[in-house]
Amino acid sequence: MTRPIVGISAYAEPARWGVWDTRAVLVPEAYVRMVRAAGARAVVLPPDEQDDAKELIGRLDALVLAGGADIEPGRYGADAHPATRTRPDRDAGELALLTAALEADRPVLGVCRGTELLAVAYGGSLIQHLPDVLGSERHQPAPGVYGTHPARFAPGSRAARVFGATAEVNSYHHQAVGSPGALTVTGWADDEVVEAVEDPAKRFVLGVQWHPEEAGDVRPFAALVAAV
């Protein structure tokens, strides 16, 4: 049996390895491991603003929107906060892919930034700097350090079917969903920060604000692949 093909959105960033110090297209290997563990084949998708998103999505069985830098605030009608750091090339390419995936009803999983991108695509908005609202940096304690906290999920939601009623999650984000737009919020941290969003009208559209791939939690990836 042919494995489903899952596209993972990637970064274009400066990188160093061996004797090389150059820009590279990359994504943390944890995403690939989780897609593979879920029984699918991972394909890395570089940022691309070319007008062929529908054709590309037609070759994929599902889409993972990976974490990363902040979304350009102008896309949800806001001015940039001093702490906001954007990658406009990713915004353009990923929004085109997401729009095509939604039109084709391909399964979509958003992780961290991917959840925020889902909210923006569905007409929502973001909280640009959580410490301004919470008074703490608990969702991103220090550079490269994940925060941990409990999350609860709405009974009967897809998030609850994947994770159960509650879960301990690992966070690394200074932004979060403010308004979900047309999405349904189905998960919350213990401080009421939005942790999960979904579109019940679609075959599978789920966004999680934390990083299950880094925790080795294959469940959301397995649910994505099962929806193919």
N, C-alpha and C. Protein backbone atom coordinates (compact mmCIF):
# COMPACT_ATOMS: atom_id res chain seq x y z
N MET A 1 0.84 -1.19 0.00
CA MET A 1 0.00 0.00 0.00
C MET A 1 0.89 1.25 0.00
N THR A 2 0.55 2.24 -0.84
CA THR A 2 1.29 3.49 -0.90
C THR A 2 0.99 4.35 0.32
N ARG A 3 2.03 4.86 0.93
CA ARG A 3 1.83 5.72 2.09
C ARG A 3 1.26 7.07 1.67
N PRO A 4 0.35 7.66 2.47
CA PRO A 4 -0.11 9.02 2.18
C PRO A 4 1.06 9.99 2.18
N ILE A 5 0.95 11.03 1.37
CA ILE A 5 1.99 12.05 1.28
C ILE A 5 1.54 13.29 2.03
N VAL A 6 2.31 13.66 3.04
CA VAL A 6 1.99 14.80 3.89
C VAL A 6 3.03 15.89 3.66
N GLY A 7 2.57 17.06 3.21
CA GLY A 7 3.47 18.19 3.05
C GLY A 7 3.65 18.93 4.37
N ILE A 8 4.89 19.34 4.66
CA ILE A 8 5.21 20.10 5.87
C ILE A 8 5.81 21.44 5.44
N SER A 9 5.18 22.53 5.84
CA SER A 9 5.72 23.84 5.49
C SER A 9 7.07 24.05 6.15
N ALA A 10 8.00 24.67 5.43
CA ALA A 10 9.37 24.79 5.90
C ALA A 10 9.81 26.24 5.99
N TYR A 11 11.00 26.45 6.55
CA TYR A 11 11.59 27.76 6.73
C TYR A 11 12.67 27.98 5.65
N ALA A 12 12.98 29.20 5.35
CA ALA A 12 14.20 29.56 4.63
C ALA A 12 14.98 30.47 5.57
N GLU A 13 16.05 29.94 6.16
CA GLU A 13 16.75 30.64 7.24
C GLU A 13 18.26 30.45 7.10
N PRO A 14 19.04 31.37 7.68
CA PRO A 14 20.48 31.12 7.77
C PRO A 14 20.74 29.86 8.61
N ALA A 15 21.68 29.05 8.18
CA ALA A 15 21.97 27.80 8.91
C ALA A 15 23.45 27.45 8.78
N ARG A 16 23.95 26.67 9.75
CA ARG A 16 25.33 26.22 9.74
C ARG A 16 25.38 24.72 9.97
N TRP A 17 26.19 24.03 9.17
CA TRP A 17 26.47 22.62 9.39
C TRP A 17 27.78 22.29 8.68
N GLY A 18 28.57 21.42 9.28
CA GLY A 18 29.86 21.10 8.69
C GLY A 18 30.66 22.36 8.43
N VAL A 19 31.14 22.52 7.20
CA VAL A 19 31.90 23.71 6.80
C VAL A 19 31.01 24.80 6.21
N TRP A 20 29.69 24.58 6.18
CA TRP A 20 28.79 25.48 5.47
C TRP A 20 28.10 26.46 6.41
N ASP A 21 27.95 27.67 5.93
CA ASP A 21 27.24 28.72 6.63
C ASP A 21 26.48 29.50 5.57
N THR A 22 25.21 29.15 5.37
CA THR A 22 24.45 29.70 4.25
C THR A 22 22.97 29.63 4.55
N ARG A 23 22.15 30.19 3.69
CA ARG A 23 20.71 30.04 3.84
C ARG A 23 20.30 28.63 3.42
N ALA A 24 19.34 28.10 4.15
CA ALA A 24 18.89 26.73 3.86
C ALA A 24 17.39 26.65 4.04
N VAL A 25 16.77 25.73 3.32
CA VAL A 25 15.37 25.39 3.55
C VAL A 25 15.36 24.25 4.54
N LEU A 26 14.66 24.44 5.67
CA LEU A 26 14.75 23.45 6.73
C LEU A 26 13.46 23.41 7.55
N VAL A 27 13.33 22.33 8.29
CA VAL A 27 12.24 22.16 9.24
C VAL A 27 12.76 21.20 10.31
N PRO A 28 12.41 21.39 11.58
CA PRO A 28 12.89 20.44 12.60
C PRO A 28 12.52 18.99 12.25
N GLU A 29 13.47 18.10 12.41
CA GLU A 29 13.26 16.71 12.03
C GLU A 29 12.12 16.07 12.80
N ALA A 30 11.79 16.60 13.97
CA ALA A 30 10.71 16.01 14.76
C ALA A 30 9.40 15.93 13.98
N TYR A 31 9.12 16.92 13.14
CA TYR A 31 7.91 16.87 12.32
C TYR A 31 7.95 15.66 11.38
N VAL A 32 9.09 15.46 10.75
CA VAL A 32 9.23 14.34 9.82
C VAL A 32 9.08 13.02 10.55
N ARG A 33 9.70 12.92 11.73
CA ARG A 33 9.58 11.68 12.51
C ARG A 33 8.14 11.37 12.85
N MET A 34 7.38 12.38 13.25
CA MET A 34 5.99 12.15 13.64
C MET A 34 5.13 11.77 12.43
N VAL A 35 5.36 12.41 11.30
CA VAL A 35 4.61 12.04 10.09
C VAL A 35 4.93 10.61 9.69
N ARG A 36 6.21 10.25 9.76
CA ARG A 36 6.61 8.88 9.44
C ARG A 36 6.00 7.90 10.44
N ALA A 37 6.03 8.24 11.73
CA ALA A 37 5.46 7.35 12.74
C ALA A 37 3.97 7.17 12.56
N ALA A 38 3.32 8.17 11.96
CA ALA A 38 1.88 8.09 11.69
C ALA A 38 1.55 7.27 10.46
N GLY A 39 2.59 6.80 9.76
CA GLY A 39 2.38 5.93 8.61
C GLY A 39 2.36 6.64 7.27
N ALA A 40 2.84 7.88 7.24
CA ALA A 40 2.82 8.65 6.00
C ALA A 40 4.22 9.00 5.54
N ARG A 41 4.32 9.58 4.36
CA ARG A 41 5.58 10.05 3.78
C ARG A 41 5.63 11.55 3.87
N ALA A 42 6.70 12.09 4.46
CA ALA A 42 6.82 13.53 4.63
C ALA A 42 7.51 14.16 3.43
N VAL A 43 6.97 15.30 2.99
CA VAL A 43 7.58 16.10 1.93
C VAL A 43 7.72 17.52 2.46
N VAL A 44 8.93 18.06 2.42
CA VAL A 44 9.19 19.41 2.93
C VAL A 44 8.86 20.43 1.85
N LEU A 45 8.08 21.46 2.23
CA LEU A 45 7.60 22.47 1.29
C LEU A 45 8.27 23.81 1.58
N PRO A 46 9.20 24.25 0.73
CA PRO A 46 9.84 25.55 0.95
C PRO A 46 8.84 26.69 0.78
N PRO A 47 9.12 27.87 1.37
CA PRO A 47 8.29 29.04 1.10
C PRO A 47 8.28 29.33 -0.39
N ASP A 48 7.11 29.55 -0.95
CA ASP A 48 6.98 29.74 -2.39
C ASP A 48 5.74 30.56 -2.66
N GLU A 49 5.92 31.71 -3.30
CA GLU A 49 4.79 32.59 -3.60
C GLU A 49 4.24 32.37 -5.00
N GLN A 50 4.74 31.35 -5.71
CA GLN A 50 4.25 31.10 -7.07
C GLN A 50 2.79 30.66 -7.04
N ASP A 51 2.10 30.92 -8.13
CA ASP A 51 0.66 30.68 -8.19
C ASP A 51 0.35 29.26 -8.63
N ASP A 52 0.88 28.28 -7.90
CA ASP A 52 0.61 26.89 -8.25
C ASP A 52 0.21 26.08 -7.03
N ALA A 53 -0.33 26.77 -6.01
CA ALA A 53 -0.69 26.09 -4.76
C ALA A 53 -1.73 25.01 -5.00
N LYS A 54 -2.72 25.28 -5.85
CA LYS A 54 -3.76 24.27 -6.10
C LYS A 54 -3.16 23.01 -6.72
N GLU A 55 -2.24 23.20 -7.65
CA GLU A 55 -1.60 22.05 -8.28
C GLU A 55 -0.81 21.25 -7.27
N LEU A 56 -0.07 21.94 -6.40
CA LEU A 56 0.72 21.25 -5.38
C LEU A 56 -0.16 20.51 -4.40
N ILE A 57 -1.19 21.16 -3.91
CA ILE A 57 -2.10 20.49 -2.97
C ILE A 57 -2.75 19.28 -3.62
N GLY A 58 -2.98 19.35 -4.92
CA GLY A 58 -3.54 18.20 -5.64
C GLY A 58 -2.64 16.98 -5.60
N ARG A 59 -1.35 17.18 -5.32
CA ARG A 59 -0.41 16.07 -5.25
C ARG A 59 -0.18 15.59 -3.81
N LEU A 60 -0.74 16.30 -2.84
CA LEU A 60 -0.57 15.95 -1.43
C LEU A 60 -1.86 15.35 -0.88
N ASP A 61 -1.70 14.53 0.15
CA ASP A 61 -2.86 13.96 0.83
C ASP A 61 -3.24 14.75 2.08
N ALA A 62 -2.29 15.49 2.65
CA ALA A 62 -2.56 16.28 3.86
C ALA A 62 -1.47 17.32 4.00
N LEU A 63 -1.72 18.30 4.88
CA LEU A 63 -0.80 19.42 5.05
C LEU A 63 -0.55 19.67 6.53
N VAL A 64 0.72 19.85 6.90
CA VAL A 64 1.10 20.28 8.24
C VAL A 64 1.70 21.68 8.13
N LEU A 65 1.14 22.62 8.89
CA LEU A 65 1.67 23.97 8.97
C LEU A 65 2.55 24.05 10.21
N ALA A 66 3.86 24.15 10.00
CA ALA A 66 4.81 24.05 11.09
C ALA A 66 4.93 25.37 11.86
N GLY A 67 5.58 25.29 13.00
CA GLY A 67 5.82 26.46 13.83
C GLY A 67 6.86 27.38 13.22
N GLY A 68 7.12 28.50 13.90
CA GLY A 68 8.13 29.43 13.40
C GLY A 68 7.82 30.86 13.78
N ALA A 69 8.27 31.78 12.95
CA ALA A 69 8.19 33.21 13.24
C ALA A 69 6.75 33.72 13.18
N ASP A 70 6.59 34.96 13.62
CA ASP A 70 5.26 35.58 13.71
C ASP A 70 4.69 35.91 12.33
N ILE A 71 3.39 36.03 12.29
CA ILE A 71 2.67 36.40 11.06
C ILE A 71 2.61 37.92 10.96
N GLU A 72 2.75 38.44 9.76
CA GLU A 72 2.69 39.87 9.53
C GLU A 72 1.36 40.43 10.06
N PRO A 73 1.39 41.35 11.04
CA PRO A 73 0.16 41.83 11.66
C PRO A 73 -0.81 42.52 10.70
N GLY A 74 -0.28 43.09 9.62
CA GLY A 74 -1.17 43.72 8.65
C GLY A 74 -2.17 42.75 8.05
N ARG A 75 -1.87 41.47 8.09
CA ARG A 75 -2.80 40.46 7.54
C ARG A 75 -4.04 40.30 8.40
N TYR A 76 -3.99 40.80 9.64
CA TYR A 76 -5.21 40.79 10.45
C TYR A 76 -5.53 42.19 10.97
N GLY A 77 -5.05 43.21 10.23
CA GLY A 77 -5.46 44.58 10.49
C GLY A 77 -4.86 45.22 11.71
N ALA A 78 -3.63 44.83 12.08
CA ALA A 78 -2.98 45.37 13.27
C ALA A 78 -1.63 45.95 12.92
N ASP A 79 -1.16 46.86 13.78
CA ASP A 79 0.21 47.35 13.68
C ASP A 79 1.13 46.40 14.43
N ALA A 80 2.38 46.39 14.05
CA ALA A 80 3.34 45.45 14.66
C ALA A 80 3.72 45.87 16.07
N HIS A 81 3.72 44.90 16.96
CA HIS A 81 4.26 45.07 18.31
C HIS A 81 5.79 45.08 18.21
N PRO A 82 6.49 45.76 19.12
CA PRO A 82 7.96 45.76 19.08
C PRO A 82 8.58 44.36 19.14
N ALA A 83 7.88 43.41 19.75
CA ALA A 83 8.43 42.07 19.88
C ALA A 83 8.08 41.16 18.70
N THR A 84 7.31 41.64 17.74
CA THR A 84 6.87 40.82 16.62
C THR A 84 7.99 40.67 15.59
N ARG A 85 8.27 39.44 15.21
CA ARG A 85 9.31 39.13 14.22
C ARG A 85 8.67 38.28 13.12
N THR A 86 8.64 38.77 11.90
CA THR A 86 7.86 38.14 10.85
C THR A 86 8.73 37.51 9.76
N ARG A 87 8.07 36.67 8.95
CA ARG A 87 8.66 36.09 7.75
C ARG A 87 7.60 36.19 6.64
N PRO A 88 7.52 37.32 5.95
CA PRO A 88 6.46 37.52 4.95
C PRO A 88 6.45 36.46 3.85
N ASP A 89 7.63 35.90 3.52
CA ASP A 89 7.65 34.86 2.48
C ASP A 89 6.88 33.64 2.92
N ARG A 90 6.99 33.28 4.18
CA ARG A 90 6.22 32.14 4.69
C ARG A 90 4.73 32.46 4.71
N ASP A 91 4.39 33.66 5.14
CA ASP A 91 2.97 34.04 5.19
C ASP A 91 2.31 33.84 3.83
N ALA A 92 2.93 34.40 2.80
CA ALA A 92 2.32 34.35 1.47
C ALA A 92 2.21 32.92 0.96
N GLY A 93 3.31 32.18 1.06
CA GLY A 93 3.30 30.81 0.53
C GLY A 93 2.37 29.89 1.30
N GLU A 94 2.39 29.99 2.63
CA GLU A 94 1.58 29.08 3.44
C GLU A 94 0.10 29.41 3.36
N LEU A 95 -0.24 30.70 3.29
CA LEU A 95 -1.65 31.05 3.16
C LEU A 95 -2.21 30.57 1.82
N ALA A 96 -1.40 30.62 0.77
CA ALA A 96 -1.85 30.09 -0.52
C ALA A 96 -2.08 28.58 -0.43
N LEU A 97 -1.14 27.88 0.20
CA LEU A 97 -1.30 26.43 0.37
C LEU A 97 -2.52 26.10 1.22
N LEU A 98 -2.69 26.85 2.31
CA LEU A 98 -3.81 26.59 3.20
C LEU A 98 -5.13 26.84 2.50
N THR A 99 -5.22 27.93 1.76
CA THR A 99 -6.46 28.22 1.03
C THR A 99 -6.78 27.10 0.06
N ALA A 100 -5.77 26.62 -0.67
CA ALA A 100 -5.99 25.53 -1.62
C ALA A 100 -6.38 24.24 -0.90
N ALA A 101 -5.74 23.98 0.25
CA ALA A 101 -6.06 22.77 1.00
C ALA A 101 -7.50 22.81 1.52
N LEU A 102 -7.94 23.96 2.00
CA LEU A 102 -9.31 24.08 2.50
C LEU A 102 -10.32 23.92 1.38
N GLU A 103 -10.01 24.50 0.22
CA GLU A 103 -10.92 24.36 -0.92
C GLU A 103 -11.04 22.91 -1.37
N ALA A 104 -9.94 22.17 -1.29
CA ALA A 104 -9.94 20.76 -1.69
C ALA A 104 -10.33 19.83 -0.56
N ASP A 105 -10.59 20.36 0.63
CA ASP A 105 -10.93 19.60 1.83
C ASP A 105 -9.84 18.57 2.17
N ARG A 106 -8.58 19.01 2.03
CA ARG A 106 -7.47 18.17 2.49
C ARG A 106 -7.33 18.31 4.00
N PRO A 107 -6.97 17.26 4.71
CA PRO A 107 -6.72 17.37 6.14
C PRO A 107 -5.57 18.33 6.43
N VAL A 108 -5.74 19.18 7.44
CA VAL A 108 -4.74 20.19 7.80
C VAL A 108 -4.50 20.14 9.30
N LEU A 109 -3.22 20.12 9.69
CA LEU A 109 -2.82 20.23 11.09
C LEU A 109 -1.92 21.45 11.22
N GLY A 110 -2.29 22.39 12.09
CA GLY A 110 -1.46 23.55 12.37
C GLY A 110 -0.78 23.39 13.72
N VAL A 111 0.52 23.68 13.77
CA VAL A 111 1.29 23.58 15.01
C VAL A 111 1.85 24.96 15.35
N CYS A 112 1.51 25.47 16.52
CA CYS A 112 1.99 26.75 17.02
C CYS A 112 1.73 27.86 16.01
N ARG A 113 2.73 28.35 15.29
CA ARG A 113 2.50 29.35 14.25
C ARG A 113 1.40 28.89 13.29
N GLY A 114 1.37 27.58 13.00
CA GLY A 114 0.35 27.05 12.09
C GLY A 114 -1.06 27.27 12.61
N THR A 115 -1.24 27.21 13.93
CA THR A 115 -2.53 27.50 14.54
C THR A 115 -2.89 28.97 14.36
N GLU A 116 -1.90 29.83 14.57
CA GLU A 116 -2.12 31.26 14.39
C GLU A 116 -2.45 31.58 12.93
N LEU A 117 -1.78 30.89 12.00
CA LEU A 117 -2.06 31.08 10.58
C LEU A 117 -3.49 30.65 10.25
N LEU A 118 -3.93 29.55 10.82
CA LEU A 118 -5.32 29.11 10.64
C LEU A 118 -6.29 30.20 11.09
N ALA A 119 -6.04 30.76 12.26
CA ALA A 119 -6.93 31.79 12.78
C ALA A 119 -6.99 32.99 11.84
N VAL A 120 -5.84 33.43 11.35
CA VAL A 120 -5.81 34.57 10.44
C VAL A 120 -6.53 34.24 9.13
N ALA A 121 -6.30 33.03 8.61
CA ALA A 121 -6.96 32.63 7.36
C ALA A 121 -8.47 32.58 7.51
N TYR A 122 -8.95 32.29 8.71
CA TYR A 122 -10.39 32.20 8.97
C TYR A 122 -10.97 33.53 9.44
N GLY A 123 -10.22 34.61 9.26
CA GLY A 123 -10.73 35.94 9.58
C GLY A 123 -10.52 36.38 11.02
N GLY A 124 -9.69 35.69 11.75
CA GLY A 124 -9.44 36.02 13.15
C GLY A 124 -8.26 36.95 13.33
N SER A 125 -7.81 37.08 14.57
CA SER A 125 -6.69 37.97 14.90
C SER A 125 -5.87 37.34 16.01
N LEU A 126 -4.70 37.94 16.27
CA LEU A 126 -3.76 37.38 17.23
C LEU A 126 -3.46 38.36 18.36
N ILE A 127 -3.13 37.80 19.52
CA ILE A 127 -2.49 38.55 20.60
C ILE A 127 -1.01 38.56 20.27
N GLN A 128 -0.43 39.72 20.07
CA GLN A 128 0.94 39.77 19.56
C GLN A 128 2.01 39.49 20.62
N HIS A 129 1.71 39.74 21.90
CA HIS A 129 2.73 39.49 22.92
C HIS A 129 2.03 39.12 24.22
N LEU A 130 2.02 37.84 24.51
CA LEU A 130 1.29 37.34 25.66
C LEU A 130 1.75 37.94 27.00
N PRO A 131 3.03 38.20 27.21
CA PRO A 131 3.41 38.80 28.49
C PRO A 131 2.69 40.10 28.79
N ASP A 132 2.28 40.86 27.76
CA ASP A 132 1.52 42.08 28.00
C ASP A 132 0.16 41.79 28.61
N VAL A 133 -0.38 40.61 28.32
CA VAL A 133 -1.72 40.22 28.79
C VAL A 133 -1.63 39.42 30.09
N LEU A 134 -0.66 38.50 30.14
CA LEU A 134 -0.57 37.58 31.27
C LEU A 134 0.31 38.10 32.40
N GLY A 135 1.23 39.00 32.06
CA GLY A 135 2.18 39.47 33.07
C GLY A 135 3.30 38.49 33.35
N SER A 136 3.45 37.47 32.49
CA SER A 136 4.53 36.50 32.66
C SER A 136 4.91 35.93 31.30
N GLU A 137 6.04 35.22 31.27
CA GLU A 137 6.50 34.59 30.04
C GLU A 137 6.39 33.07 30.15
N ARG A 138 5.38 32.58 30.82
CA ARG A 138 5.28 31.14 31.09
C ARG A 138 5.11 30.29 29.84
N HIS A 139 4.60 30.87 28.74
CA HIS A 139 4.43 30.10 27.52
C HIS A 139 5.70 30.08 26.66
N GLN A 140 6.69 30.88 27.05
CA GLN A 140 8.00 30.89 26.39
C GLN A 140 9.02 31.38 27.42
N PRO A 141 9.39 30.51 28.35
CA PRO A 141 10.15 30.94 29.53
C PRO A 141 11.51 31.54 29.22
N ALA A 142 12.22 31.01 28.22
CA ALA A 142 13.56 31.48 27.89
C ALA A 142 13.90 30.98 26.49
N PRO A 143 14.88 31.58 25.83
CA PRO A 143 15.25 31.12 24.49
C PRO A 143 15.54 29.62 24.46
N GLY A 144 14.81 28.90 23.61
CA GLY A 144 15.02 27.47 23.47
C GLY A 144 14.48 26.62 24.59
N VAL A 145 13.72 27.21 25.51
CA VAL A 145 13.19 26.48 26.65
C VAL A 145 11.66 26.43 26.54
N TYR A 146 11.11 25.23 26.57
CA TYR A 146 9.66 25.07 26.49
C TYR A 146 9.03 25.25 27.87
N GLY A 147 7.88 25.92 27.89
CA GLY A 147 7.06 25.94 29.09
C GLY A 147 6.14 24.73 29.10
N THR A 148 5.72 24.30 30.27
CA THR A 148 4.76 23.20 30.38
C THR A 148 3.60 23.65 31.24
N HIS A 149 2.41 23.23 30.87
CA HIS A 149 1.21 23.61 31.61
C HIS A 149 0.06 22.70 31.19
N PRO A 150 -0.98 22.63 31.98
CA PRO A 150 -2.14 21.81 31.60
C PRO A 150 -3.01 22.52 30.57
N ALA A 151 -3.72 21.72 29.80
CA ALA A 151 -4.72 22.23 28.87
C ALA A 151 -5.97 21.37 28.99
N ARG A 152 -7.12 21.97 28.75
CA ARG A 152 -8.38 21.22 28.76
C ARG A 152 -9.05 21.39 27.39
N PHE A 153 -9.88 20.41 27.03
CA PHE A 153 -10.47 20.39 25.70
C PHE A 153 -11.99 20.22 25.78
N ALA A 154 -12.68 20.86 24.86
CA ALA A 154 -14.14 20.84 24.85
C ALA A 154 -14.66 19.43 24.64
N PRO A 155 -15.61 18.97 25.47
CA PRO A 155 -16.18 17.63 25.28
C PRO A 155 -16.77 17.48 23.88
N GLY A 156 -16.48 16.34 23.27
CA GLY A 156 -17.02 16.05 21.95
C GLY A 156 -16.25 16.66 20.80
N SER A 157 -15.25 17.47 21.09
CA SER A 157 -14.47 18.11 20.03
C SER A 157 -13.45 17.13 19.45
N ARG A 158 -12.92 17.48 18.28
CA ARG A 158 -11.86 16.67 17.70
C ARG A 158 -10.64 16.68 18.60
N ALA A 159 -10.33 17.84 19.19
CA ALA A 159 -9.18 17.92 20.09
C ALA A 159 -9.33 16.95 21.26
N ALA A 160 -10.53 16.88 21.82
CA ALA A 160 -10.77 15.95 22.93
C ALA A 160 -10.66 14.51 22.48
N ARG A 161 -11.10 14.22 21.26
CA ARG A 161 -10.98 12.85 20.75
C ARG A 161 -9.52 12.46 20.55
N VAL A 162 -8.68 13.42 20.22
CA VAL A 162 -7.26 13.14 20.01
C VAL A 162 -6.49 13.09 21.33
N PHE A 163 -6.75 14.07 22.23
CA PHE A 163 -5.90 14.24 23.42
C PHE A 163 -6.57 13.84 24.72
N GLY A 164 -7.89 13.59 24.70
CA GLY A 164 -8.61 13.35 25.93
C GLY A 164 -9.14 14.65 26.52
N ALA A 165 -9.72 14.57 27.70
CA ALA A 165 -10.32 15.76 28.32
C ALA A 165 -9.28 16.78 28.73
N THR A 166 -8.09 16.31 29.15
CA THR A 166 -7.01 17.20 29.57
C THR A 166 -5.68 16.62 29.13
N ALA A 167 -4.67 17.48 29.08
CA ALA A 167 -3.32 17.02 28.74
C ALA A 167 -2.30 18.02 29.28
N GLU A 168 -1.11 17.55 29.53
CA GLU A 168 0.02 18.42 29.85
C GLU A 168 0.71 18.74 28.54
N VAL A 169 0.89 20.02 28.22
CA VAL A 169 1.42 20.39 26.92
C VAL A 169 2.68 21.24 27.08
N ASN A 170 3.47 21.28 26.00
CA ASN A 170 4.73 22.03 25.99
C ASN A 170 4.60 23.23 25.05
N SER A 171 4.81 24.41 25.55
CA SER A 171 4.60 25.63 24.79
C SER A 171 5.91 26.36 24.53
N TYR A 172 5.97 26.97 23.34
CA TYR A 172 7.07 27.89 23.03
C TYR A 172 6.52 28.95 22.07
N HIS A 173 5.81 29.93 22.64
CA HIS A 173 5.21 30.97 21.80
C HIS A 173 4.97 32.21 22.65
N HIS A 174 5.14 33.37 22.03
CA HIS A 174 4.84 34.62 22.73
C HIS A 174 3.57 35.26 22.18
N GLN A 175 3.01 34.65 21.12
CA GLN A 175 1.74 35.10 20.57
C GLN A 175 0.70 33.99 20.73
N ALA A 176 -0.57 34.33 20.47
CA ALA A 176 -1.64 33.35 20.58
C ALA A 176 -2.86 33.87 19.84
N VAL A 177 -3.82 33.00 19.66
CA VAL A 177 -5.07 33.39 19.01
C VAL A 177 -5.83 34.35 19.92
N GLY A 178 -6.19 35.50 19.36
CA GLY A 178 -7.06 36.44 20.07
C GLY A 178 -8.50 36.18 19.70
N SER A 179 -8.83 36.35 18.43
CA SER A 179 -10.14 35.98 17.89
C SER A 179 -9.95 34.83 16.91
N PRO A 180 -10.74 33.75 17.00
CA PRO A 180 -10.56 32.62 16.11
C PRO A 180 -11.22 32.79 14.75
N GLY A 181 -11.91 33.93 14.53
CA GLY A 181 -12.65 34.08 13.28
C GLY A 181 -13.73 33.02 13.19
N ALA A 182 -13.80 32.34 12.06
CA ALA A 182 -14.83 31.32 11.85
C ALA A 182 -14.46 29.96 12.43
N LEU A 183 -13.30 29.84 13.02
CA LEU A 183 -12.92 28.59 13.67
C LEU A 183 -13.63 28.45 15.02
N THR A 184 -13.63 27.24 15.55
CA THR A 184 -14.16 26.96 16.87
C THR A 184 -13.01 26.72 17.84
N VAL A 185 -12.99 27.43 18.94
CA VAL A 185 -11.98 27.19 19.98
C VAL A 185 -12.39 25.96 20.77
N THR A 186 -11.49 24.98 20.87
CA THR A 186 -11.81 23.74 21.57
C THR A 186 -10.77 23.36 22.62
N GLY A 187 -9.79 24.22 22.86
CA GLY A 187 -8.79 23.93 23.88
C GLY A 187 -8.29 25.20 24.53
N TRP A 188 -8.03 25.12 25.84
CA TRP A 188 -7.59 26.27 26.62
C TRP A 188 -6.50 25.85 27.61
N ALA A 189 -5.53 26.71 27.81
CA ALA A 189 -4.58 26.52 28.90
C ALA A 189 -5.24 26.88 30.22
N ASP A 190 -4.54 26.62 31.31
CA ASP A 190 -5.11 26.93 32.62
C ASP A 190 -5.20 28.44 32.87
N ASP A 191 -4.55 29.24 32.02
CA ASP A 191 -4.69 30.70 32.12
C ASP A 191 -5.62 31.25 31.03
N GLU A 192 -6.35 30.35 30.37
CA GLU A 192 -7.35 30.66 29.35
C GLU A 192 -6.77 31.06 28.00
N VAL A 193 -5.46 30.97 27.81
CA VAL A 193 -4.89 31.14 26.48
C VAL A 193 -5.43 30.03 25.58
N VAL A 194 -5.81 30.38 24.35
CA VAL A 194 -6.35 29.40 23.41
C VAL A 194 -5.27 28.39 23.05
N GLU A 195 -5.58 27.10 23.19
CA GLU A 195 -4.62 26.04 22.89
C GLU A 195 -5.01 25.18 21.69
N ALA A 196 -6.28 25.18 21.31
CA ALA A 196 -6.70 24.37 20.17
C ALA A 196 -7.87 25.04 19.45
N VAL A 197 -7.84 24.98 18.13
CA VAL A 197 -8.93 25.47 17.29
C VAL A 197 -9.21 24.42 16.23
N GLU A 198 -10.43 24.43 15.71
CA GLU A 198 -10.77 23.47 14.66
C GLU A 198 -11.94 23.97 13.83
N ASP A 199 -12.14 23.32 12.71
CA ASP A 199 -13.29 23.60 11.83
C ASP A 199 -14.11 22.32 11.73
N PRO A 200 -15.20 22.21 12.48
CA PRO A 200 -15.98 20.98 12.48
C PRO A 200 -16.64 20.68 11.13
N ALA A 201 -16.73 21.69 10.25
CA ALA A 201 -17.37 21.49 8.95
C ALA A 201 -16.44 20.81 7.95
N LYS A 202 -15.15 20.76 8.25
CA LYS A 202 -14.19 20.15 7.35
C LYS A 202 -13.84 18.74 7.78
N ARG A 203 -13.27 17.99 6.85
CA ARG A 203 -12.87 16.61 7.14
C ARG A 203 -11.89 16.55 8.31
N PHE A 204 -10.89 17.44 8.30
CA PHE A 204 -9.95 17.53 9.42
C PHE A 204 -9.22 18.86 9.31
N VAL A 205 -9.53 19.77 10.19
CA VAL A 205 -8.78 21.02 10.34
C VAL A 205 -8.61 21.24 11.83
N LEU A 206 -7.38 21.09 12.31
CA LEU A 206 -7.08 21.20 13.74
C LEU A 206 -5.80 22.00 13.92
N GLY A 207 -5.84 22.94 14.84
CA GLY A 207 -4.64 23.68 15.20
C GLY A 207 -4.35 23.53 16.67
N VAL A 208 -3.08 23.27 17.02
CA VAL A 208 -2.66 23.17 18.41
C VAL A 208 -1.56 24.19 18.65
N GLN A 209 -1.65 24.94 19.74
CA GLN A 209 -0.72 26.03 19.99
C GLN A 209 0.62 25.55 20.54
N TRP A 210 0.67 24.31 20.99
CA TRP A 210 1.91 23.78 21.56
C TRP A 210 2.67 22.94 20.53
N HIS A 211 3.66 22.17 20.97
CA HIS A 211 4.55 21.43 20.06
C HIS A 211 4.52 19.93 20.35
N PRO A 212 3.50 19.22 19.90
CA PRO A 212 3.45 17.77 20.13
C PRO A 212 4.60 17.02 19.47
N GLU A 213 5.11 17.56 18.37
CA GLU A 213 6.21 16.87 17.68
C GLU A 213 7.46 16.79 18.56
N GLU A 214 7.73 17.86 19.32
CA GLU A 214 8.91 17.86 20.18
C GLU A 214 8.72 16.96 21.40
N ALA A 215 7.48 16.72 21.77
CA ALA A 215 7.18 15.82 22.89
C ALA A 215 7.07 14.37 22.43
N GLY A 216 7.23 14.12 21.13
CA GLY A 216 7.09 12.77 20.61
C GLY A 216 5.66 12.27 20.64
N ASP A 217 4.70 13.19 20.62
CA ASP A 217 3.29 12.82 20.67
C ASP A 217 2.75 12.67 19.25
N VAL A 218 2.62 11.43 18.81
CA VAL A 218 2.21 11.16 17.44
C VAL A 218 0.71 11.32 17.22
N ARG A 219 -0.07 11.46 18.29
CA ARG A 219 -1.52 11.39 18.16
C ARG A 219 -2.12 12.38 17.16
N PRO A 220 -1.77 13.67 17.19
CA PRO A 220 -2.39 14.56 16.20
C PRO A 220 -1.97 14.24 14.77
N PHE A 221 -0.76 13.76 14.59
CA PHE A 221 -0.28 13.38 13.25
C PHE A 221 -0.98 12.11 12.77
N ALA A 222 -1.18 11.17 13.70
CA ALA A 222 -1.92 9.95 13.35
C ALA A 222 -3.37 10.28 12.99
N ALA A 223 -3.98 11.22 13.72
CA ALA A 223 -5.35 11.62 13.41
C ALA A 223 -5.42 12.31 12.05
N LEU A 224 -4.41 13.12 11.73
CA LEU A 224 -4.35 13.76 10.42
C LEU A 224 -4.29 12.73 9.31
N VAL A 225 -3.39 11.75 9.45
CA VAL A 225 -3.22 10.72 8.43
C VAL A 225 -4.45 9.84 8.33
N ALA A 226 -5.08 9.56 9.46
CA ALA A 226 -6.29 8.73 9.44
C ALA A 226 -7.43 9.40 8.69
N ALA A 227 -7.39 10.74 8.62
CA ALA A 227 -8.45 11.50 7.94
C ALA A 227 -8.27 11.53 6.42
N VAL A 228 -7.14 11.06 5.93
CA VAL A 228 -6.87 11.08 4.49
C VAL A 228 -7.86 10.19 3.76
